[in-house]
């Protein structure tokens, strides 16, 4: 039982970070032909680059093959619904971080979205709140909250399994995890099993929807590591500015 649980947790950690998000990948491609005028400060590059290569190999040999098998059995029309369902579960973190940032209307809207999409949208599999009421998701996280309060991002950091991040965003992920109500109602093993399961399904589903994720970066970027780094930092800067 413990061995199986550790396997689930390991795959879930793998899936979180191996997956460079489609937005980051696209930003990497968009910025590949024109490198930045000066290199991005990267004091941890001697650690980051090997971790980046490790994550790429794990994506190639573990996550992508699983995603292809998943794609073969899961109808394409259902995959976006799975993604919406899992996003719906993250309402507490989005609500809290909008509130922390003084975005009270958005915080209230997150609660409304959850209620509407859960009741009318089949537990969130169907997006009802936005087309019906115009309530868009406000995807704030604690890393963004720290930035709003003036906390520096710290060095760029690539973690094994977790992927591109910064020191500030790693702290933010830990804080967001602590906001999950399941943390206080489930035992440690139960919590790991539930989080491991949902994270694994989410990452495999997302990878299945974006099977060409790294191919465009390979095609257009001379420096894949630098392209993903720039893409991640630009996406985060844009999210914080908004």
C-alpha atoms as a PDB file:
ATOM      1  CA  UNK A   1       0.000   0.000   0.000  1.00  0.00           C
ATOM      2  CA  UNK A   2       2.731   2.461   0.989  1.00  0.00           C
ATOM      3  CA  UNK A   3       4.774   1.565  -2.106  1.00  0.00           C
ATOM      4  CA  UNK A   4       1.752   2.147  -4.344  1.00  0.00           C
ATOM      5  CA  UNK A   5       1.057   5.456  -2.634  1.00  0.00           C
ATOM      6  CA  UNK A   6       4.635   6.613  -3.092  1.00  0.00           C
ATOM      7  CA  UNK A   7       4.401   5.708  -6.764  1.00  0.00           C
ATOM      8  CA  UNK A   8       1.251   7.797  -7.170  1.00  0.00           C
ATOM      9  CA  UNK A   9       2.835  10.737  -5.356  1.00  0.00           C
ATOM     10  CA  UNK A  10       5.994  10.433  -7.415  1.00  0.00           C
ATOM     11  CA  UNK A  11       4.094  10.462 -10.699  1.00  0.00           C
ATOM     12  CA  UNK A  12       1.992  13.388  -9.517  1.00  0.00           C
ATOM     13  CA  UNK A  13       5.073  15.433  -8.649  1.00  0.00           C
ATOM     14  CA  UNK A  14       6.541  14.486 -11.971  1.00  0.00           C
ATOM     15  CA  UNK A  15       3.453  15.557 -13.813  1.00  0.00           C
ATOM     16  CA  UNK A  16       3.187  18.937 -12.113  1.00  0.00           C
ATOM     17  CA  UNK A  17       6.459  20.254 -13.272  1.00  0.00           C
ATOM     18  CA  UNK A  18       7.465  18.327 -16.276  1.00  0.00           C
ATOM     19  CA  UNK A  19       4.609  19.991 -17.897  1.00  0.00           C
ATOM     20  CA  UNK A  20       5.782  23.351 -19.041  1.00  0.00           C
ATOM     21  CA  UNK A  21       2.410  25.008 -19.510  1.00  0.00           C
ATOM     22  CA  UNK A  22       1.183  25.726 -23.060  1.00  0.00           C
ATOM     23  CA  UNK A  23       1.339  29.460 -22.299  1.00  0.00           C
ATOM     24  CA  UNK A  24       5.002  29.193 -21.276  1.00  0.00           C
ATOM     25  CA  UNK A  25       5.801  27.056 -24.309  1.00  0.00           C
ATOM     26  CA  UNK A  26       4.143  29.567 -26.629  1.00  0.00           C
ATOM     27  CA  UNK A  27       5.976  32.450 -24.972  1.00  0.00           C
ATOM     28  CA  UNK A  28       9.219  30.536 -25.447  1.00  0.00           C
ATOM     29  CA  UNK A  29       8.507  30.110 -29.172  1.00  0.00           C
ATOM     30  CA  UNK A  30       7.437  33.742 -29.624  1.00  0.00           C
ATOM     31  CA  UNK A  31      10.628  35.039 -28.073  1.00  0.00           C
ATOM     32  CA  UNK A  32      13.046  32.494 -29.508  1.00  0.00           C
ATOM     33  CA  UNK A  33      14.113  34.357 -32.683  1.00  0.00           C
ATOM     34  CA  UNK A  34      15.066  37.509 -30.753  1.00  0.00           C
ATOM     35  CA  UNK A  35      17.109  36.814 -27.628  1.00  0.00           C
ATOM     36  CA  UNK A  36      16.855  39.375 -24.814  1.00  0.00           C
ATOM     37  CA  UNK A  37      19.338  42.262 -24.974  1.00  0.00           C
ATOM     38  CA  UNK A  38      21.121  40.986 -21.893  1.00  0.00           C
ATOM     39  CA  UNK A  39      21.125  37.556 -20.224  1.00  0.00           C
ATOM     40  CA  UNK A  40      18.565  36.880 -17.524  1.00  0.00           C
ATOM     41  CA  UNK A  41      20.325  36.689 -14.135  1.00  0.00           C
ATOM     42  CA  UNK A  42      20.538  33.001 -13.277  1.00  0.00           C
ATOM     43  CA  UNK A  43      22.843  32.404 -10.280  1.00  0.00           C
ATOM     44  CA  UNK A  44      21.577  28.826  -9.918  1.00  0.00           C
ATOM     45  CA  UNK A  45      22.212  27.860 -13.545  1.00  0.00           C
ATOM     46  CA  UNK A  46      24.645  25.074 -12.597  1.00  0.00           C
ATOM     47  CA  UNK A  47      21.766  23.404 -10.721  1.00  0.00           C
ATOM     48  CA  UNK A  48      18.948  24.485 -13.020  1.00  0.00           C
ATOM     49  CA  UNK A  49      20.251  23.189 -16.330  1.00  0.00           C
ATOM     50  CA  UNK A  50      20.779  19.570 -15.219  1.00  0.00           C
ATOM     51  CA  UNK A  51      17.332  19.620 -13.589  1.00  0.00           C
ATOM     52  CA  UNK A  52      15.823  20.965 -16.803  1.00  0.00           C
ATOM     53  CA  UNK A  53      17.422  18.157 -18.825  1.00  0.00           C
ATOM     54  CA  UNK A  54      16.261  15.604 -16.256  1.00  0.00           C
ATOM     55  CA  UNK A  55      12.687  16.869 -16.470  1.00  0.00           C
ATOM     56  CA  UNK A  56      12.773  16.741 -20.273  1.00  0.00           C
ATOM     57  CA  UNK A  57      13.873  13.118 -20.199  1.00  0.00           C
ATOM     58  CA  UNK A  58      11.192  12.220 -17.666  1.00  0.00           C
ATOM     59  CA  UNK A  59       8.608  13.936 -19.839  1.00  0.00           C
ATOM     60  CA  UNK A  60       9.831  12.054 -22.911  1.00  0.00           C
ATOM     61  CA  UNK A  61      10.004   8.611 -21.317  1.00  0.00           C
ATOM     62  CA  UNK A  62       7.265   8.753 -18.656  1.00  0.00           C
ATOM     63  CA  UNK A  63       4.663  11.497 -18.934  1.00  0.00           C
ATOM     64  CA  UNK A  64       4.235  11.722 -22.709  1.00  0.00           C
ATOM     65  CA  UNK A  65       3.865   7.927 -23.249  1.00  0.00           C
ATOM     66  CA  UNK A  66       1.230   7.829 -20.478  1.00  0.00           C
ATOM     67  CA  UNK A  67      -0.543  10.824 -22.027  1.00  0.00           C
ATOM     68  CA  UNK A  68      -0.650   9.081 -25.409  1.00  0.00           C
ATOM     69  CA  UNK A  69      -2.222   5.975 -23.899  1.00  0.00           C
ATOM     70  CA  UNK A  70      -4.689   8.170 -22.004  1.00  0.00           C
ATOM     71  CA  UNK A  71      -5.553   9.974 -25.238  1.00  0.00           C
ATOM     72  CA  UNK A  72      -6.292   6.644 -26.898  1.00  0.00           C
ATOM     73  CA  UNK A  73      -8.975   5.735 -24.353  1.00  0.00           C
ATOM     74  CA  UNK A  74     -10.319   9.140 -23.286  1.00  0.00           C
ATOM     75  CA  UNK A  75     -12.515  10.862 -25.909  1.00  0.00           C
ATOM     76  CA  UNK A  76     -11.049  14.188 -27.020  1.00  0.00           C
ATOM     77  CA  UNK A  77     -14.349  15.915 -26.321  1.00  0.00           C
ATOM     78  CA  UNK A  78     -14.151  14.838 -22.655  1.00  0.00           C
ATOM     79  CA  UNK A  79     -10.599  16.002 -21.968  1.00  0.00           C
ATOM     80  CA  UNK A  80     -11.382  19.754 -21.674  1.00  0.00           C
ATOM     81  CA  UNK A  81     -14.174  18.811 -19.263  1.00  0.00           C
ATOM     82  CA  UNK A  82     -11.725  16.958 -17.041  1.00  0.00           C
ATOM     83  CA  UNK A  83      -9.496  20.027 -17.046  1.00  0.00           C
ATOM     84  CA  UNK A  84     -12.423  22.270 -16.070  1.00  0.00           C
ATOM     85  CA  UNK A  85     -13.472  19.882 -13.292  1.00  0.00           C
ATOM     86  CA  UNK A  86      -9.990  19.948 -11.753  1.00  0.00           C
ATOM     87  CA  UNK A  87      -9.780  23.728 -12.068  1.00  0.00           C
ATOM     88  CA  UNK A  88     -13.120  23.984 -10.275  1.00  0.00           C
ATOM     89  CA  UNK A  89     -11.602  22.207  -7.261  1.00  0.00           C
ATOM     90  CA  UNK A  90      -9.046  25.005  -6.819  1.00  0.00           C
ATOM     91  CA  UNK A  91     -11.635  27.594  -5.822  1.00  0.00           C
ATOM     92  CA  UNK A  92     -10.397  28.070  -2.231  1.00  0.00           C
ATOM     93  CA  UNK A  93      -6.919  29.168  -3.266  1.00  0.00           C
ATOM     94  CA  UNK A  94      -8.225  31.528  -5.927  1.00  0.00           C
ATOM     95  CA  UNK A  95     -10.816  32.993  -3.547  1.00  0.00           C
ATOM     96  CA  UNK A  96      -8.252  33.538  -0.765  1.00  0.00           C
ATOM     97  CA  UNK A  97      -5.584  35.064  -2.987  1.00  0.00           C
ATOM     98  CA  UNK A  98      -8.022  37.436  -4.668  1.00  0.00           C
ATOM     99  CA  UNK A  99      -9.085  38.504  -1.178  1.00  0.00           C
ATOM    100  CA  UNK A 100      -5.464  38.926  -0.024  1.00  0.00           C
ATOM    101  CA  UNK A 101      -4.824  41.157  -3.028  1.00  0.00           C
ATOM    102  CA  UNK A 102      -7.849  43.337  -2.320  1.00  0.00           C
ATOM    103  CA  UNK A 103      -9.788  42.015  -5.308  1.00  0.00           C
ATOM    104  CA  UNK A 104     -13.020  41.601  -3.394  1.00  0.00           C
ATOM    105  CA  UNK A 105     -15.401  41.453  -6.406  1.00  0.00           C
ATOM    106  CA  UNK A 106     -13.222  38.776  -8.043  1.00  0.00           C
ATOM    107  CA  UNK A 107     -13.125  36.802  -4.780  1.00  0.00           C
ATOM    108  CA  UNK A 108     -16.910  36.847  -4.581  1.00  0.00           C
ATOM    109  CA  UNK A 109     -17.145  35.929  -8.227  1.00  0.00           C
ATOM    110  CA  UNK A 110     -14.931  32.874  -7.633  1.00  0.00           C
ATOM    111  CA  UNK A 111     -17.429  31.634  -5.039  1.00  0.00           C
ATOM    112  CA  UNK A 112     -20.303  32.300  -7.440  1.00  0.00           C
ATOM    113  CA  UNK A 113     -18.503  30.517 -10.267  1.00  0.00           C
ATOM    114  CA  UNK A 114     -17.912  27.475  -8.073  1.00  0.00           C
ATOM    115  CA  UNK A 115     -21.564  27.266  -7.029  1.00  0.00           C
ATOM    116  CA  UNK A 116     -22.921  27.732 -10.562  1.00  0.00           C
ATOM    117  CA  UNK A 117     -20.451  25.420 -12.275  1.00  0.00           C
ATOM    118  CA  UNK A 118     -20.805  22.753  -9.593  1.00  0.00           C
ATOM    119  CA  UNK A 119     -24.606  22.717  -9.616  1.00  0.00           C
ATOM    120  CA  UNK A 120     -25.429  23.538 -13.248  1.00  0.00           C
ATOM    121  CA  UNK A 121     -22.210  22.394 -14.865  1.00  0.00           C
ATOM    122  CA  UNK A 122     -22.018  18.831 -13.586  1.00  0.00           C
ATOM    123  CA  UNK A 123     -19.457  19.404 -10.804  1.00  0.00           C
ATOM    124  CA  UNK A 124     -17.514  21.741 -13.069  1.00  0.00           C
ATOM    125  CA  UNK A 125     -17.143  19.566 -16.164  1.00  0.00           C
ATOM    126  CA  UNK A 126     -19.095  22.190 -18.134  1.00  0.00           C
ATOM    127  CA  UNK A 127     -18.333  25.909 -17.967  1.00  0.00           C
ATOM    128  CA  UNK A 128     -21.655  27.616 -17.253  1.00  0.00           C
ATOM    129  CA  UNK A 129     -20.781  30.716 -15.204  1.00  0.00           C
ATOM    130  CA  UNK A 130     -18.839  32.570 -17.894  1.00  0.00           C
ATOM    131  CA  UNK A 131     -21.163  32.150 -20.896  1.00  0.00           C
ATOM    132  CA  UNK A 132     -24.313  32.503 -18.776  1.00  0.00           C
ATOM    133  CA  UNK A 133     -23.294  35.258 -16.331  1.00  0.00           C
ATOM    134  CA  UNK A 134     -20.017  36.637 -17.685  1.00  0.00           C
ATOM    135  CA  UNK A 135     -18.089  35.514 -14.587  1.00  0.00           C
ATOM    136  CA  UNK A 136     -14.529  34.781 -15.668  1.00  0.00           C
ATOM    137  CA  UNK A 137     -12.039  32.875 -13.563  1.00  0.00           C
ATOM    138  CA  UNK A 138      -9.525  35.017 -11.618  1.00  0.00           C
ATOM    139  CA  UNK A 139      -6.541  32.657 -11.323  1.00  0.00           C
ATOM    140  CA  UNK A 140      -4.560  34.278  -8.509  1.00  0.00           C
ATOM    141  CA  UNK A 141      -2.036  32.281  -6.485  1.00  0.00           C
ATOM    142  CA  UNK A 142       0.076  33.009  -3.406  1.00  0.00           C
ATOM    143  CA  UNK A 143       3.208  33.628  -5.458  1.00  0.00           C
ATOM    144  CA  UNK A 144       1.352  36.511  -7.109  1.00  0.00           C
ATOM    145  CA  UNK A 145       0.091  37.664  -3.713  1.00  0.00           C
ATOM    146  CA  UNK A 146       3.655  37.817  -2.375  1.00  0.00           C
ATOM    147  CA  UNK A 147       4.670  39.857  -5.434  1.00  0.00           C
ATOM    148  CA  UNK A 148       1.804  42.302  -4.848  1.00  0.00           C
ATOM    149  CA  UNK A 149       3.163  42.877  -1.331  1.00  0.00           C
ATOM    150  CA  UNK A 150       6.616  43.606  -2.691  1.00  0.00           C
ATOM    151  CA  UNK A 151       8.378  40.295  -2.118  1.00  0.00           C
ATOM    152  CA  UNK A 152      11.163  39.791  -4.662  1.00  0.00           C
ATOM    153  CA  UNK A 153      10.982  36.755  -6.922  1.00  0.00           C
ATOM    154  CA  UNK A 154      14.437  35.573  -5.914  1.00  0.00           C
ATOM    155  CA  UNK A 155      16.505  33.478  -8.329  1.00  0.00           C
ATOM    156  CA  UNK A 156      15.005  31.440 -11.130  1.00  0.00           C
ATOM    157  CA  UNK A 157      14.783  27.835  -9.969  1.00  0.00           C
ATOM    158  CA  UNK A 158      14.169  24.574 -11.822  1.00  0.00           C
ATOM    159  CA  UNK A 159      13.164  21.755  -9.508  1.00  0.00           C
ATOM    160  CA  UNK A 160      13.263  18.070 -10.376  1.00  0.00           C
ATOM    161  CA  UNK A 161       9.721  16.966 -11.224  1.00  0.00           C
ATOM    162  CA  UNK A 162       8.271  20.396 -10.418  1.00  0.00           C
ATOM    163  CA  UNK A 163       9.849  22.332 -13.274  1.00  0.00           C
ATOM    164  CA  UNK A 164      10.377  26.088 -13.843  1.00  0.00           C
ATOM    165  CA  UNK A 165       9.767  28.351 -10.871  1.00  0.00           C
ATOM    166  CA  UNK A 166      11.367  30.973  -8.645  1.00  0.00           C
ATOM    167  CA  UNK A 167      12.143  30.930  -4.944  1.00  0.00           C
ATOM    168  CA  UNK A 168       9.087  33.117  -4.298  1.00  0.00           C
ATOM    169  CA  UNK A 169       6.806  30.862  -6.348  1.00  0.00           C
ATOM    170  CA  UNK A 170       8.002  27.749  -4.517  1.00  0.00           C
ATOM    171  CA  UNK A 171       6.967  29.390  -1.245  1.00  0.00           C
ATOM    172  CA  UNK A 172       3.680  30.338  -2.904  1.00  0.00           C
ATOM    173  CA  UNK A 173       2.947  26.760  -3.955  1.00  0.00           C
ATOM    174  CA  UNK A 174       3.498  25.564  -0.383  1.00  0.00           C
ATOM    175  CA  UNK A 175       1.139  28.249   0.943  1.00  0.00           C
ATOM    176  CA  UNK A 176      -1.524  27.434  -1.643  1.00  0.00           C
ATOM    177  CA  UNK A 177      -1.305  23.791  -0.616  1.00  0.00           C
ATOM    178  CA  UNK A 178      -1.880  24.760   3.000  1.00  0.00           C
ATOM    179  CA  UNK A 179      -5.091  26.568   1.986  1.00  0.00           C
ATOM    180  CA  UNK A 180      -6.629  23.357   0.664  1.00  0.00           C
ATOM    181  CA  UNK A 181      -9.389  22.342   3.118  1.00  0.00           C
ATOM    182  CA  UNK A 182      -8.479  18.677   2.643  1.00  0.00           C
ATOM    183  CA  UNK A 183      -5.240  19.421   4.514  1.00  0.00           C
ATOM    184  CA  UNK A 184      -7.205  19.685   7.749  1.00  0.00           C
ATOM    185  CA  UNK A 185      -9.725  16.871   7.292  1.00  0.00           C
ATOM    186  CA  UNK A 186      -7.649  14.010   5.898  1.00  0.00           C
ATOM    187  CA  UNK A 187      -4.759  12.046   7.290  1.00  0.00           C
ATOM    188  CA  UNK A 188      -1.356  12.579   5.705  1.00  0.00           C
ATOM    189  CA  UNK A 189      -1.593   9.377   3.672  1.00  0.00           C
ATOM    190  CA  UNK A 190      -5.131  10.133   2.551  1.00  0.00           C
ATOM    191  CA  UNK A 191      -4.144  13.663   1.583  1.00  0.00           C
ATOM    192  CA  UNK A 192      -1.154  12.448  -0.424  1.00  0.00           C
ATOM    193  CA  UNK A 193      -3.320   9.878  -2.185  1.00  0.00           C
ATOM    194  CA  UNK A 194      -6.046  12.400  -3.110  1.00  0.00           C
ATOM    195  CA  UNK A 195      -3.628  15.110  -4.195  1.00  0.00           C
ATOM    196  CA  UNK A 196      -1.480  12.610  -5.996  1.00  0.00           C
ATOM    197  CA  UNK A 197      -4.457  11.249  -7.886  1.00  0.00           C
ATOM    198  CA  UNK A 198      -5.952  14.587  -8.921  1.00  0.00           C
ATOM    199  CA  UNK A 199      -2.581  16.100  -9.829  1.00  0.00           C
ATOM    200  CA  UNK A 200      -1.596  13.076 -11.880  1.00  0.00           C
ATOM    201  CA  UNK A 201      -4.881  13.015 -13.795  1.00  0.00           C
ATOM    202  CA  UNK A 202      -4.662  16.773 -14.365  1.00  0.00           C
ATOM    203  CA  UNK A 203      -1.126  16.680 -15.701  1.00  0.00           C
ATOM    204  CA  UNK A 204      -1.718  13.650 -17.923  1.00  0.00           C
ATOM    205  CA  UNK A 205      -4.921  15.216 -19.251  1.00  0.00           C
ATOM    206  CA  UNK A 206      -3.134  18.501 -19.938  1.00  0.00           C
ATOM    207  CA  UNK A 207      -0.198  16.755 -21.617  1.00  0.00           C
ATOM    208  CA  UNK A 208      -2.623  14.785 -23.765  1.00  0.00           C
ATOM    209  CA  UNK A 209      -4.196  18.047 -24.932  1.00  0.00           C
ATOM    210  CA  UNK A 210      -0.753  19.502 -25.685  1.00  0.00           C
ATOM    211  CA  UNK A 211       1.290  16.659 -27.133  1.00  0.00           C
ATOM    212  CA  UNK A 212       3.302  19.034 -29.370  1.00  0.00           C
ATOM    213  CA  UNK A 213       4.359  21.090 -26.367  1.00  0.00           C
ATOM    214  CA  UNK A 214       8.134  20.855 -26.764  1.00  0.00           C
ATOM    215  CA  UNK A 215       8.299  20.258 -30.508  1.00  0.00           C
ATOM    216  CA  UNK A 216       7.692  23.906 -31.396  1.00  0.00           C
ATOM    217  CA  UNK A 217      10.333  25.011 -28.920  1.00  0.00           C
ATOM    218  CA  UNK A 218      12.784  22.511 -30.462  1.00  0.00           C
ATOM    219  CA  UNK A 219      12.005  23.894 -33.904  1.00  0.00           C
ATOM    220  CA  UNK A 220      12.329  27.599 -33.176  1.00  0.00           C
ATOM    221  CA  UNK A 221      14.610  27.952 -30.156  1.00  0.00           C
ATOM    222  CA  UNK A 222      18.362  27.483 -30.310  1.00  0.00           C
ATOM    223  CA  UNK A 223      18.583  27.523 -26.517  1.00  0.00           C
ATOM    224  CA  UNK A 224      15.658  25.477 -25.205  1.00  0.00           C
ATOM    225  CA  UNK A 225      16.556  26.071 -21.557  1.00  0.00           C
ATOM    226  CA  UNK A 226      16.789  29.838 -22.049  1.00  0.00           C
ATOM    227  CA  UNK A 227      13.583  29.937 -24.096  1.00  0.00           C
ATOM    228  CA  UNK A 228      11.562  28.171 -21.391  1.00  0.00           C
ATOM    229  CA  UNK A 229      13.154  30.343 -18.697  1.00  0.00           C
ATOM    230  CA  UNK A 230      12.253  33.551 -20.546  1.00  0.00           C
ATOM    231  CA  UNK A 231       8.760  32.233 -21.282  1.00  0.00           C
ATOM    232  CA  UNK A 232       8.118  31.362 -17.636  1.00  0.00           C
ATOM    233  CA  UNK A 233       9.413  34.678 -16.275  1.00  0.00           C
ATOM    234  CA  UNK A 234       7.443  36.692 -18.826  1.00  0.00           C
ATOM    235  CA  UNK A 235       4.222  34.818 -18.130  1.00  0.00           C
ATOM    236  CA  UNK A 236       4.654  35.315 -14.374  1.00  0.00           C
ATOM    237  CA  UNK A 237       5.433  39.025 -14.836  1.00  0.00           C
ATOM    238  CA  UNK A 238       2.287  39.422 -16.931  1.00  0.00           C
ATOM    239  CA  UNK A 239       0.149  37.552 -14.388  1.00  0.00           C
ATOM    240  CA  UNK A 240       1.435  39.739 -11.560  1.00  0.00           C
ATOM    241  CA  UNK A 241       0.959  42.957 -13.543  1.00  0.00           C
ATOM    242  CA  UNK A 242      -2.670  42.027 -14.174  1.00  0.00           C
END
